Amino acid sequence: IKIIKPTEKITEILSLLEQFNIDKSLIEFSPTLVRGLDYYTGIIFEIIIEGYTSGSVGGGGRYDNLIGMFTNKQIPAVGFSFGFDRVIDAMQTLGLFPPEIAGSATQVLVTIFSQELKNKSLAISNELRNNDINTESYLGEIKEKNPLEKQLKYADQKGIKNVIILGPEEAEKNIVTLKNLKTREQKKLTIKDAIDLLKSISKT
């Protein structure tokens, strides 16, 4: 087994962190880190949020040849991207939404019960918007066990009073459950009746 010493690039980056007064305790070196794409040619990295345990929220690295694959120029570069769903989930989990956002004008959150029902739920969101109802679709991570718990908490933190739930039972009967998070009252309604009720609520 050959012991590999840290490369000069890693040493250089650590030196730059010190030069720019960046707290090196925020950086953790991992020799086992692997990214899912094979065009990286140098250092790779992932971005995590302290206290969030569901994985990284972003990542990237150095690539010298990627741009040259699409152009006639070899342009070394560094790039990264964020996982929007993960960022939303992390902010919800850690209570990072500021009060001015938490006090949302959104009338209703359409929950996503499962990946299988995601498209139907998004179609409901679209129908609500077409009827001038300020609607948000849940974009965070969907838990297999008790998928609605985080979503209801998310709506509550953002001050969204109503949620629409489309679970397997509702989908089979072509209805939805409309729940008021303040009164805890919930009703099983057709989409049309739910739209009419939400419109009447918005006028009061």
N, C-alpha and C. Protein backbone atom coordinates (compact mmCIF):
# COMPACT_ATOMS: atom_id res chain seq x y z
N ILE A 1 0.84 -1.19 0.00
CA ILE A 1 0.00 0.00 0.00
C ILE A 1 0.88 1.24 0.00
N LYS A 2 0.64 2.09 -0.97
CA LYS A 2 1.43 3.31 -1.09
C LYS A 2 0.74 4.46 -0.36
N ILE A 3 1.46 5.14 0.48
CA ILE A 3 0.92 6.30 1.18
C ILE A 3 1.07 7.53 0.29
N ILE A 4 -0.04 8.17 0.00
CA ILE A 4 -0.02 9.34 -0.88
C ILE A 4 -0.05 10.61 -0.02
N LYS A 5 0.93 11.45 -0.22
CA LYS A 5 0.98 12.71 0.52
C LYS A 5 0.03 13.73 -0.12
N PRO A 6 -0.42 14.70 0.65
CA PRO A 6 -1.27 15.75 0.08
C PRO A 6 -0.58 16.43 -1.11
N THR A 7 -1.32 16.70 -2.15
CA THR A 7 -0.73 17.33 -3.33
C THR A 7 -0.38 18.78 -3.04
N GLU A 8 0.45 19.33 -3.92
CA GLU A 8 0.84 20.74 -3.77
C GLU A 8 -0.38 21.65 -3.85
N LYS A 9 -1.38 21.26 -4.66
CA LYS A 9 -2.58 22.08 -4.81
C LYS A 9 -3.34 22.20 -3.50
N ILE A 10 -3.45 21.09 -2.78
CA ILE A 10 -4.14 21.12 -1.49
C ILE A 10 -3.39 22.02 -0.52
N THR A 11 -2.08 21.87 -0.49
CA THR A 11 -1.26 22.71 0.37
C THR A 11 -1.41 24.18 0.00
N GLU A 12 -1.46 24.45 -1.31
CA GLU A 12 -1.62 25.82 -1.79
C GLU A 12 -2.96 26.41 -1.37
N ILE A 13 -4.03 25.62 -1.48
CA ILE A 13 -5.36 26.09 -1.10
C ILE A 13 -5.41 26.38 0.40
N LEU A 14 -4.85 25.50 1.20
CA LEU A 14 -4.83 25.72 2.64
C LEU A 14 -4.05 26.99 2.99
N SER A 15 -2.99 27.24 2.24
CA SER A 15 -2.20 28.45 2.45
C SER A 15 -3.00 29.70 2.09
N LEU A 16 -3.77 29.62 0.99
CA LEU A 16 -4.60 30.75 0.58
C LEU A 16 -5.71 31.03 1.59
N LEU A 17 -6.28 29.98 2.17
CA LEU A 17 -7.31 30.16 3.19
C LEU A 17 -6.76 30.97 4.36
N GLU A 18 -5.53 30.64 4.74
CA GLU A 18 -4.90 31.36 5.85
C GLU A 18 -4.61 32.81 5.45
N GLN A 19 -4.17 33.00 4.21
CA GLN A 19 -3.84 34.34 3.72
C GLN A 19 -5.06 35.25 3.70
N PHE A 20 -6.23 34.68 3.36
CA PHE A 20 -7.46 35.47 3.28
C PHE A 20 -8.27 35.44 4.57
N ASN A 21 -7.63 34.98 5.65
CA ASN A 21 -8.25 34.95 6.98
C ASN A 21 -9.56 34.15 7.00
N ILE A 22 -9.60 33.08 6.23
CA ILE A 22 -10.76 32.18 6.25
C ILE A 22 -10.50 31.09 7.28
N ASP A 23 -11.47 30.90 8.15
CA ASP A 23 -11.34 29.94 9.24
C ASP A 23 -11.17 28.53 8.67
N LYS A 24 -10.00 27.95 8.87
CA LYS A 24 -9.72 26.63 8.31
C LYS A 24 -10.52 25.52 8.98
N SER A 25 -11.13 25.83 10.13
CA SER A 25 -11.97 24.82 10.78
C SER A 25 -13.24 24.57 9.98
N LEU A 26 -13.54 25.47 9.03
CA LEU A 26 -14.71 25.29 8.17
C LEU A 26 -14.42 24.34 7.01
N ILE A 27 -13.14 23.98 6.85
CA ILE A 27 -12.73 23.10 5.75
C ILE A 27 -12.31 21.76 6.31
N GLU A 28 -12.84 20.70 5.75
CA GLU A 28 -12.45 19.35 6.18
C GLU A 28 -11.92 18.58 4.97
N PHE A 29 -10.71 18.08 5.09
CA PHE A 29 -10.10 17.31 3.99
C PHE A 29 -10.58 15.87 4.06
N SER A 30 -11.06 15.36 2.93
CA SER A 30 -11.54 13.98 2.86
C SER A 30 -10.89 13.27 1.68
N PRO A 31 -9.97 12.35 1.92
CA PRO A 31 -9.32 11.64 0.82
C PRO A 31 -10.24 10.65 0.11
N THR A 32 -11.41 10.38 0.69
CA THR A 32 -12.33 9.40 0.10
C THR A 32 -13.47 10.06 -0.68
N LEU A 33 -13.47 11.39 -0.76
CA LEU A 33 -14.57 12.08 -1.45
C LEU A 33 -14.56 11.77 -2.94
N VAL A 34 -15.73 11.43 -3.46
CA VAL A 34 -15.88 11.11 -4.89
C VAL A 34 -17.11 11.83 -5.42
N ARG A 35 -16.97 12.47 -6.59
CA ARG A 35 -18.10 13.09 -7.25
C ARG A 35 -18.66 12.15 -8.30
N GLY A 36 -19.91 12.36 -8.68
CA GLY A 36 -20.58 11.44 -9.60
C GLY A 36 -20.23 11.64 -11.06
N LEU A 37 -19.47 12.68 -11.40
CA LEU A 37 -19.11 12.95 -12.80
C LEU A 37 -17.60 12.78 -12.98
N ASP A 38 -17.20 12.33 -14.18
CA ASP A 38 -15.79 11.97 -14.36
C ASP A 38 -14.97 13.00 -15.12
N TYR A 39 -15.49 14.24 -15.29
CA TYR A 39 -14.71 15.22 -16.03
C TYR A 39 -13.81 16.07 -15.14
N TYR A 40 -13.84 15.83 -13.84
CA TYR A 40 -12.98 16.60 -12.94
C TYR A 40 -11.52 16.18 -13.12
N THR A 41 -10.63 17.14 -13.10
CA THR A 41 -9.21 16.85 -13.29
C THR A 41 -8.36 17.30 -12.12
N GLY A 42 -8.99 17.86 -11.11
CA GLY A 42 -8.23 18.36 -9.96
C GLY A 42 -9.02 18.18 -8.68
N ILE A 43 -8.89 19.14 -7.81
CA ILE A 43 -9.55 19.08 -6.51
C ILE A 43 -11.07 19.14 -6.67
N ILE A 44 -11.77 18.32 -5.91
CA ILE A 44 -13.23 18.35 -5.87
C ILE A 44 -13.67 18.70 -4.45
N PHE A 45 -14.90 19.17 -4.32
CA PHE A 45 -15.38 19.58 -2.99
C PHE A 45 -16.89 19.43 -2.91
N GLU A 46 -17.37 19.34 -1.70
CA GLU A 46 -18.80 19.36 -1.43
C GLU A 46 -19.08 20.40 -0.36
N ILE A 47 -20.30 20.94 -0.39
CA ILE A 47 -20.70 22.00 0.54
C ILE A 47 -21.73 21.44 1.50
N ILE A 48 -21.48 21.58 2.77
CA ILE A 48 -22.42 21.10 3.78
C ILE A 48 -22.84 22.25 4.68
N ILE A 49 -23.96 22.07 5.35
CA ILE A 49 -24.45 23.06 6.32
C ILE A 49 -24.37 22.42 7.70
N GLU A 50 -23.70 23.09 8.60
CA GLU A 50 -23.54 22.56 9.95
C GLU A 50 -24.90 22.34 10.61
N GLY A 51 -25.09 21.15 11.14
CA GLY A 51 -26.35 20.82 11.80
C GLY A 51 -27.35 20.12 10.90
N TYR A 52 -27.07 20.11 9.59
CA TYR A 52 -27.97 19.44 8.64
C TYR A 52 -27.36 18.09 8.30
N THR A 53 -28.10 17.01 8.56
CA THR A 53 -27.52 15.67 8.49
C THR A 53 -27.95 14.86 7.27
N SER A 54 -28.68 15.48 6.34
CA SER A 54 -29.18 14.71 5.19
C SER A 54 -28.28 14.79 3.97
N GLY A 55 -27.04 15.21 4.14
CA GLY A 55 -26.10 15.22 3.03
C GLY A 55 -25.68 16.61 2.61
N SER A 56 -24.85 16.67 1.58
CA SER A 56 -24.33 17.94 1.09
C SER A 56 -25.42 18.71 0.35
N VAL A 57 -25.28 20.03 0.30
CA VAL A 57 -26.24 20.87 -0.42
C VAL A 57 -25.67 21.36 -1.75
N GLY A 58 -24.41 21.04 -2.01
CA GLY A 58 -23.79 21.45 -3.26
C GLY A 58 -22.43 20.81 -3.42
N GLY A 59 -21.84 21.01 -4.58
CA GLY A 59 -20.52 20.44 -4.82
C GLY A 59 -19.98 20.83 -6.18
N GLY A 60 -18.69 20.58 -6.38
CA GLY A 60 -18.07 20.91 -7.66
C GLY A 60 -16.60 20.57 -7.65
N GLY A 61 -15.84 21.25 -8.50
CA GLY A 61 -14.42 20.98 -8.56
C GLY A 61 -13.74 21.62 -9.75
N ARG A 62 -12.48 21.23 -9.95
CA ARG A 62 -11.64 21.76 -11.04
C ARG A 62 -11.78 20.84 -12.26
N TYR A 63 -11.97 21.48 -13.43
CA TYR A 63 -11.98 20.70 -14.67
C TYR A 63 -11.22 21.47 -15.75
N ASP A 64 -10.21 20.84 -16.31
CA ASP A 64 -9.37 21.49 -17.31
C ASP A 64 -9.85 21.25 -18.74
N ASN A 65 -10.57 20.16 -18.98
CA ASN A 65 -10.87 19.75 -20.34
C ASN A 65 -12.34 19.85 -20.73
N LEU A 66 -13.21 20.15 -19.77
CA LEU A 66 -14.65 20.11 -20.04
C LEU A 66 -15.06 21.13 -21.11
N ILE A 67 -14.61 22.37 -20.99
CA ILE A 67 -14.99 23.39 -21.96
C ILE A 67 -14.46 23.04 -23.35
N GLY A 68 -13.27 22.44 -23.39
CA GLY A 68 -12.69 22.04 -24.66
C GLY A 68 -13.46 20.95 -25.36
N MET A 69 -14.28 20.21 -24.63
CA MET A 69 -15.11 19.18 -25.24
C MET A 69 -16.19 19.79 -26.13
N PHE A 70 -16.54 21.05 -25.88
CA PHE A 70 -17.62 21.70 -26.61
C PHE A 70 -17.13 22.87 -27.47
N THR A 71 -15.88 23.26 -27.29
CA THR A 71 -15.30 24.36 -28.08
C THR A 71 -13.92 23.93 -28.56
N ASN A 72 -13.27 24.79 -29.29
CA ASN A 72 -11.90 24.51 -29.75
C ASN A 72 -10.85 25.06 -28.80
N LYS A 73 -11.31 25.55 -27.65
CA LYS A 73 -10.38 26.15 -26.69
C LYS A 73 -10.34 25.33 -25.40
N GLN A 74 -9.14 25.14 -24.89
CA GLN A 74 -8.98 24.50 -23.60
C GLN A 74 -8.93 25.59 -22.54
N ILE A 75 -9.98 25.68 -21.74
CA ILE A 75 -10.08 26.73 -20.72
C ILE A 75 -10.24 26.06 -19.36
N PRO A 76 -9.19 26.02 -18.56
CA PRO A 76 -9.32 25.46 -17.21
C PRO A 76 -10.31 26.27 -16.39
N ALA A 77 -11.09 25.59 -15.58
CA ALA A 77 -12.12 26.30 -14.81
C ALA A 77 -12.46 25.53 -13.54
N VAL A 78 -13.14 26.23 -12.65
CA VAL A 78 -13.71 25.62 -11.44
C VAL A 78 -15.19 25.96 -11.42
N GLY A 79 -16.01 24.98 -11.14
CA GLY A 79 -17.45 25.23 -11.08
C GLY A 79 -18.11 24.44 -9.97
N PHE A 80 -19.30 24.87 -9.62
CA PHE A 80 -20.06 24.14 -8.60
C PHE A 80 -21.54 24.41 -8.80
N SER A 81 -22.34 23.60 -8.19
CA SER A 81 -23.80 23.79 -8.26
C SER A 81 -24.41 23.44 -6.91
N PHE A 82 -25.60 23.99 -6.67
CA PHE A 82 -26.35 23.68 -5.46
C PHE A 82 -27.54 22.80 -5.80
N GLY A 83 -27.91 21.94 -4.88
CA GLY A 83 -29.14 21.17 -5.01
C GLY A 83 -30.28 21.97 -4.38
N PHE A 84 -31.16 22.51 -5.21
CA PHE A 84 -32.20 23.42 -4.71
C PHE A 84 -33.08 22.73 -3.67
N ASP A 85 -33.47 21.48 -3.95
CA ASP A 85 -34.32 20.74 -3.01
C ASP A 85 -33.63 20.60 -1.65
N ARG A 86 -32.32 20.30 -1.68
CA ARG A 86 -31.57 20.13 -0.44
C ARG A 86 -31.48 21.44 0.33
N VAL A 87 -31.26 22.55 -0.37
CA VAL A 87 -31.16 23.85 0.29
C VAL A 87 -32.47 24.20 0.98
N ILE A 88 -33.59 24.00 0.27
CA ILE A 88 -34.90 24.27 0.85
C ILE A 88 -35.13 23.39 2.07
N ASP A 89 -34.78 22.10 1.95
CA ASP A 89 -34.98 21.17 3.05
C ASP A 89 -34.12 21.55 4.25
N ALA A 90 -32.87 21.97 3.99
CA ALA A 90 -31.97 22.37 5.08
C ALA A 90 -32.49 23.62 5.79
N MET A 91 -32.96 24.59 5.01
CA MET A 91 -33.49 25.82 5.61
C MET A 91 -34.73 25.53 6.45
N GLN A 92 -35.55 24.62 5.94
CA GLN A 92 -36.74 24.25 6.70
C GLN A 92 -36.36 23.53 7.99
N THR A 93 -35.45 22.56 7.87
CA THR A 93 -35.04 21.76 9.02
C THR A 93 -34.42 22.61 10.12
N LEU A 94 -33.61 23.59 9.72
CA LEU A 94 -32.87 24.41 10.69
C LEU A 94 -33.58 25.72 11.04
N GLY A 95 -34.79 25.92 10.49
CA GLY A 95 -35.54 27.14 10.79
C GLY A 95 -34.85 28.40 10.31
N LEU A 96 -34.32 28.38 9.09
CA LEU A 96 -33.54 29.50 8.58
C LEU A 96 -34.34 30.49 7.74
N PHE A 97 -35.62 30.21 7.52
CA PHE A 97 -36.42 31.17 6.77
C PHE A 97 -36.64 32.43 7.61
N PRO A 98 -36.27 33.61 7.09
CA PRO A 98 -36.46 34.85 7.85
C PRO A 98 -37.93 35.17 8.02
N PRO A 99 -38.29 35.94 9.06
CA PRO A 99 -39.70 36.25 9.34
C PRO A 99 -40.43 36.88 8.18
N GLU A 100 -39.73 37.74 7.41
CA GLU A 100 -40.43 38.42 6.30
C GLU A 100 -40.82 37.44 5.20
N ILE A 101 -40.09 36.31 5.11
CA ILE A 101 -40.47 35.27 4.15
C ILE A 101 -41.46 34.32 4.78
N ALA A 102 -41.26 34.06 6.07
CA ALA A 102 -42.18 33.16 6.77
C ALA A 102 -43.60 33.70 6.73
N GLY A 103 -43.74 35.02 6.76
CA GLY A 103 -45.07 35.62 6.66
C GLY A 103 -45.50 35.68 5.21
N SER A 104 -45.69 34.53 4.62
CA SER A 104 -45.91 34.44 3.18
C SER A 104 -47.31 34.85 2.78
N ALA A 105 -47.40 35.37 1.53
CA ALA A 105 -48.71 35.68 0.95
C ALA A 105 -49.31 34.46 0.27
N THR A 106 -48.57 33.36 0.30
CA THR A 106 -49.07 32.13 -0.33
C THR A 106 -50.33 31.66 0.37
N GLN A 107 -51.36 31.37 -0.42
CA GLN A 107 -52.63 30.93 0.16
C GLN A 107 -52.63 29.45 0.50
N VAL A 108 -51.94 28.65 -0.31
CA VAL A 108 -52.01 27.21 -0.11
C VAL A 108 -50.71 26.54 -0.56
N LEU A 109 -50.29 25.55 0.21
CA LEU A 109 -49.16 24.71 -0.17
C LEU A 109 -49.70 23.37 -0.65
N VAL A 110 -49.29 22.97 -1.83
CA VAL A 110 -49.65 21.64 -2.32
C VAL A 110 -48.53 20.69 -1.93
N THR A 111 -48.84 19.73 -1.09
CA THR A 111 -47.83 18.78 -0.62
C THR A 111 -47.56 17.72 -1.68
N ILE A 112 -46.41 17.08 -1.55
CA ILE A 112 -46.04 15.97 -2.44
C ILE A 112 -45.94 14.72 -1.59
N PHE A 113 -46.91 13.83 -1.70
CA PHE A 113 -46.97 12.66 -0.84
C PHE A 113 -45.89 11.64 -1.20
N SER A 114 -45.63 11.49 -2.50
CA SER A 114 -44.64 10.51 -2.96
C SER A 114 -44.21 10.86 -4.37
N GLN A 115 -43.12 10.24 -4.82
CA GLN A 115 -42.66 10.47 -6.19
C GLN A 115 -43.72 10.03 -7.20
N GLU A 116 -44.46 8.96 -6.86
CA GLU A 116 -45.48 8.44 -7.77
C GLU A 116 -46.62 9.44 -7.97
N LEU A 117 -46.90 10.24 -6.95
CA LEU A 117 -48.00 11.20 -7.02
C LEU A 117 -47.52 12.63 -7.30
N LYS A 118 -46.23 12.79 -7.53
CA LYS A 118 -45.66 14.13 -7.71
C LYS A 118 -46.28 14.86 -8.90
N ASN A 119 -46.36 14.19 -10.05
CA ASN A 119 -46.88 14.86 -11.25
C ASN A 119 -48.34 15.28 -11.07
N LYS A 120 -49.13 14.43 -10.42
CA LYS A 120 -50.54 14.78 -10.19
C LYS A 120 -50.64 15.97 -9.24
N SER A 121 -49.77 16.00 -8.24
CA SER A 121 -49.78 17.12 -7.29
C SER A 121 -49.38 18.42 -7.98
N LEU A 122 -48.37 18.34 -8.86
CA LEU A 122 -47.95 19.54 -9.59
C LEU A 122 -49.04 20.02 -10.54
N ALA A 123 -49.80 19.07 -11.09
CA ALA A 123 -50.92 19.45 -11.96
C ALA A 123 -51.99 20.20 -11.18
N ILE A 124 -52.20 19.78 -9.92
CA ILE A 124 -53.15 20.48 -9.05
C ILE A 124 -52.66 21.91 -8.78
N SER A 125 -51.36 22.05 -8.51
CA SER A 125 -50.78 23.38 -8.29
C SER A 125 -51.04 24.28 -9.50
N ASN A 126 -50.83 23.73 -10.67
CA ASN A 126 -51.04 24.49 -11.90
C ASN A 126 -52.49 24.93 -12.05
N GLU A 127 -53.41 24.02 -11.71
CA GLU A 127 -54.83 24.34 -11.81
C GLU A 127 -55.22 25.44 -10.83
N LEU A 128 -54.66 25.39 -9.63
CA LEU A 128 -54.93 26.43 -8.64
C LEU A 128 -54.43 27.79 -9.11
N ARG A 129 -53.22 27.81 -9.67
CA ARG A 129 -52.66 29.07 -10.18
C ARG A 129 -53.50 29.62 -11.33
N ASN A 130 -53.99 28.72 -12.17
CA ASN A 130 -54.84 29.16 -13.28
C ASN A 130 -56.14 29.79 -12.80
N ASN A 131 -56.48 29.51 -11.53
CA ASN A 131 -57.68 30.11 -10.93
C ASN A 131 -57.32 31.25 -9.98
N ASP A 132 -56.13 31.82 -10.20
CA ASP A 132 -55.67 33.01 -9.45
C ASP A 132 -55.53 32.76 -7.96
N ILE A 133 -55.15 31.55 -7.60
CA ILE A 133 -54.88 31.23 -6.19
C ILE A 133 -53.37 31.15 -6.01
N ASN A 134 -52.83 31.96 -5.10
CA ASN A 134 -51.39 32.00 -4.86
C ASN A 134 -50.95 30.68 -4.25
N THR A 135 -50.24 29.89 -5.04
CA THR A 135 -49.96 28.49 -4.68
C THR A 135 -48.47 28.20 -4.69
N GLU A 136 -48.04 27.41 -3.74
CA GLU A 136 -46.65 26.92 -3.71
C GLU A 136 -46.66 25.40 -3.71
N SER A 137 -45.80 24.82 -4.53
CA SER A 137 -45.60 23.37 -4.50
C SER A 137 -44.41 23.07 -3.60
N TYR A 138 -44.51 22.02 -2.80
CA TYR A 138 -43.40 21.67 -1.92
C TYR A 138 -42.23 21.15 -2.75
N LEU A 139 -41.04 21.72 -2.56
CA LEU A 139 -39.87 21.35 -3.36
C LEU A 139 -38.78 20.68 -2.54
N GLY A 140 -39.04 20.49 -1.25
CA GLY A 140 -38.03 19.87 -0.40
C GLY A 140 -37.96 18.37 -0.57
N GLU A 141 -37.11 17.76 0.23
CA GLU A 141 -36.93 16.31 0.18
C GLU A 141 -38.19 15.61 0.69
N ILE A 142 -38.57 14.55 0.00
CA ILE A 142 -39.77 13.79 0.38
C ILE A 142 -39.34 12.55 1.16
N LYS A 143 -39.74 12.47 2.40
CA LYS A 143 -39.40 11.32 3.23
C LYS A 143 -40.36 10.17 2.95
N GLU A 144 -39.81 8.95 2.86
CA GLU A 144 -40.67 7.79 2.64
C GLU A 144 -41.55 7.52 3.85
N LYS A 145 -40.97 7.70 5.05
CA LYS A 145 -41.73 7.48 6.27
C LYS A 145 -42.31 8.81 6.74
N ASN A 146 -43.62 8.85 6.89
CA ASN A 146 -44.33 10.07 7.32
C ASN A 146 -43.94 11.27 6.44
N PRO A 147 -44.24 11.21 5.14
CA PRO A 147 -43.79 12.25 4.21
C PRO A 147 -44.38 13.63 4.45
N LEU A 148 -45.52 13.70 5.14
CA LEU A 148 -46.19 14.99 5.30
C LEU A 148 -45.72 15.79 6.51
N GLU A 149 -45.07 15.14 7.45
CA GLU A 149 -44.70 15.82 8.70
C GLU A 149 -43.85 17.07 8.44
N LYS A 150 -42.78 16.91 7.65
CA LYS A 150 -41.91 18.05 7.36
C LYS A 150 -42.61 19.10 6.51
N GLN A 151 -43.48 18.64 5.63
CA GLN A 151 -44.15 19.56 4.72
C GLN A 151 -45.15 20.44 5.46
N LEU A 152 -45.85 19.86 6.41
CA LEU A 152 -46.79 20.65 7.22
C LEU A 152 -46.03 21.63 8.12
N LYS A 153 -44.89 21.18 8.63
CA LYS A 153 -44.06 22.06 9.45
C LYS A 153 -43.52 23.22 8.61
N TYR A 154 -43.12 22.90 7.39
CA TYR A 154 -42.63 23.91 6.45
C TYR A 154 -43.69 24.98 6.19
N ALA A 155 -44.93 24.53 5.92
CA ALA A 155 -46.03 25.46 5.67
C ALA A 155 -46.29 26.33 6.90
N ASP A 156 -46.25 25.72 8.07
CA ASP A 156 -46.51 26.45 9.31
C ASP A 156 -45.44 27.51 9.54
N GLN A 157 -44.16 27.16 9.30
CA GLN A 157 -43.06 28.10 9.49
C GLN A 157 -43.16 29.29 8.54
N LYS A 158 -43.69 29.06 7.35
CA LYS A 158 -43.81 30.13 6.36
C LYS A 158 -45.12 30.89 6.48
N GLY A 159 -45.96 30.50 7.42
CA GLY A 159 -47.22 31.20 7.61
C GLY A 159 -48.27 30.88 6.56
N ILE A 160 -48.14 29.74 5.90
CA ILE A 160 -49.13 29.31 4.91
C ILE A 160 -50.26 28.62 5.66
N LYS A 161 -51.46 29.15 5.55
CA LYS A 161 -52.57 28.67 6.38
C LYS A 161 -53.19 27.37 5.88
N ASN A 162 -53.14 27.15 4.57
CA ASN A 162 -53.85 25.99 4.01
C ASN A 162 -52.89 25.08 3.25
N VAL A 163 -53.15 23.79 3.34
CA VAL A 163 -52.39 22.82 2.56
C VAL A 163 -53.36 21.89 1.84
N ILE A 164 -52.93 21.46 0.68
CA ILE A 164 -53.69 20.45 -0.06
C ILE A 164 -52.88 19.16 -0.06
N ILE A 165 -53.55 18.08 0.28
CA ILE A 165 -52.90 16.77 0.37
C ILE A 165 -53.52 15.85 -0.67
N LEU A 166 -52.66 15.25 -1.48
CA LEU A 166 -53.09 14.24 -2.43
C LEU A 166 -52.34 12.95 -2.12
N GLY A 167 -52.96 12.11 -1.29
CA GLY A 167 -52.38 10.82 -0.97
C GLY A 167 -52.98 9.74 -1.86
N PRO A 168 -52.59 8.48 -1.65
CA PRO A 168 -53.12 7.38 -2.47
C PRO A 168 -54.64 7.29 -2.42
N GLU A 169 -55.22 7.48 -1.23
CA GLU A 169 -56.68 7.40 -1.09
C GLU A 169 -57.37 8.50 -1.88
N GLU A 170 -56.85 9.72 -1.76
CA GLU A 170 -57.44 10.84 -2.49
C GLU A 170 -57.30 10.65 -4.00
N ALA A 171 -56.12 10.19 -4.43
CA ALA A 171 -55.88 10.01 -5.86
C ALA A 171 -56.84 8.99 -6.46
N GLU A 172 -57.10 7.94 -5.70
CA GLU A 172 -58.01 6.88 -6.18
C GLU A 172 -59.43 7.41 -6.35
N LYS A 173 -59.83 8.33 -5.46
CA LYS A 173 -61.20 8.86 -5.50
C LYS A 173 -61.30 10.18 -6.28
N ASN A 174 -60.15 10.64 -6.81
CA ASN A 174 -60.09 11.89 -7.56
C ASN A 174 -60.56 13.09 -6.72
N ILE A 175 -60.08 13.13 -5.49
CA ILE A 175 -60.37 14.24 -4.58
C ILE A 175 -59.07 14.69 -3.93
N VAL A 176 -59.14 15.72 -3.10
CA VAL A 176 -58.00 16.16 -2.31
C VAL A 176 -58.46 16.41 -0.88
N THR A 177 -57.52 16.45 0.03
CA THR A 177 -57.81 16.90 1.40
C THR A 177 -57.30 18.32 1.55
N LEU A 178 -58.19 19.23 1.92
CA LEU A 178 -57.82 20.63 2.18
C LEU A 178 -57.79 20.82 3.69
N LYS A 179 -56.62 21.18 4.20
CA LYS A 179 -56.44 21.31 5.65
C LYS A 179 -56.07 22.74 6.01
N ASN A 180 -56.75 23.28 7.02
CA ASN A 180 -56.43 24.59 7.57
C ASN A 180 -55.51 24.38 8.77
N LEU A 181 -54.29 24.88 8.68
CA LEU A 181 -53.30 24.63 9.73
C LEU A 181 -53.57 25.40 11.01
N LYS A 182 -54.36 26.46 10.93
CA LYS A 182 -54.67 27.23 12.14
C LYS A 182 -55.78 26.58 12.94
N THR A 183 -56.84 26.18 12.24
CA THR A 183 -57.99 25.59 12.94
C THR A 183 -57.89 24.07 13.03
N ARG A 184 -56.95 23.48 12.25
CA ARG A 184 -56.78 22.03 12.16
C ARG A 184 -57.98 21.34 11.50
N GLU A 185 -58.88 22.13 10.95
CA GLU A 185 -60.03 21.55 10.26
C GLU A 185 -59.59 21.07 8.88
N GLN A 186 -60.09 19.92 8.46
CA GLN A 186 -59.77 19.43 7.13
C GLN A 186 -61.01 18.82 6.46
N LYS A 187 -61.06 18.98 5.14
CA LYS A 187 -62.20 18.49 4.37
C LYS A 187 -61.70 17.76 3.13
N LYS A 188 -62.42 16.71 2.76
CA LYS A 188 -62.14 16.00 1.52
C LYS A 188 -63.06 16.57 0.44
N LEU A 189 -62.45 17.13 -0.61
CA LEU A 189 -63.21 17.86 -1.62
C LEU A 189 -62.72 17.51 -3.02
N THR A 190 -63.57 17.77 -4.00
CA THR A 190 -63.10 17.72 -5.38
C THR A 190 -62.20 18.93 -5.60
N ILE A 191 -61.40 18.89 -6.65
CA ILE A 191 -60.52 20.03 -6.93
C ILE A 191 -61.34 21.30 -7.12
N LYS A 192 -62.45 21.19 -7.84
CA LYS A 192 -63.29 22.36 -8.10
C LYS A 192 -63.82 22.95 -6.80
N ASP A 193 -64.30 22.07 -5.89
CA ASP A 193 -64.82 22.57 -4.61
C ASP A 193 -63.71 23.19 -3.76
N ALA A 194 -62.52 22.60 -3.83
CA ALA A 194 -61.38 23.15 -3.08
C ALA A 194 -61.02 24.54 -3.60
N ILE A 195 -61.06 24.69 -4.92
CA ILE A 195 -60.78 26.00 -5.53
C ILE A 195 -61.82 27.03 -5.09
N ASP A 196 -63.08 26.63 -5.13
CA ASP A 196 -64.16 27.55 -4.73
C ASP A 196 -64.01 27.97 -3.27
N LEU A 197 -63.65 27.00 -2.41
CA LEU A 197 -63.51 27.30 -0.99
C LEU A 197 -62.32 28.23 -0.75
N LEU A 198 -61.21 27.97 -1.41
CA LEU A 198 -60.03 28.82 -1.25
C LEU A 198 -60.30 30.24 -1.75
N LYS A 199 -61.05 30.36 -2.81
CA LYS A 199 -61.42 31.68 -3.32
C LYS A 199 -62.30 32.43 -2.33
N SER A 200 -63.23 31.71 -1.72
CA SER A 200 -64.12 32.36 -0.75
C SER A 200 -63.35 32.77 0.50
N ILE A 201 -62.37 31.96 0.91
CA ILE A 201 -61.55 32.29 2.07
C ILE A 201 -60.73 33.55 1.81
N SER A 202 -60.20 33.67 0.59
CA SER A 202 -59.34 34.81 0.27
C SER A 202 -60.09 36.13 0.27
N LYS A 203 -61.41 36.07 0.13
CA LYS A 203 -62.23 37.28 0.10
C LYS A 203 -62.60 37.76 1.50
N THR A 204 -62.43 36.88 2.50
CA THR A 204 -62.82 37.24 3.87
C THR A 204 -61.66 37.89 4.60
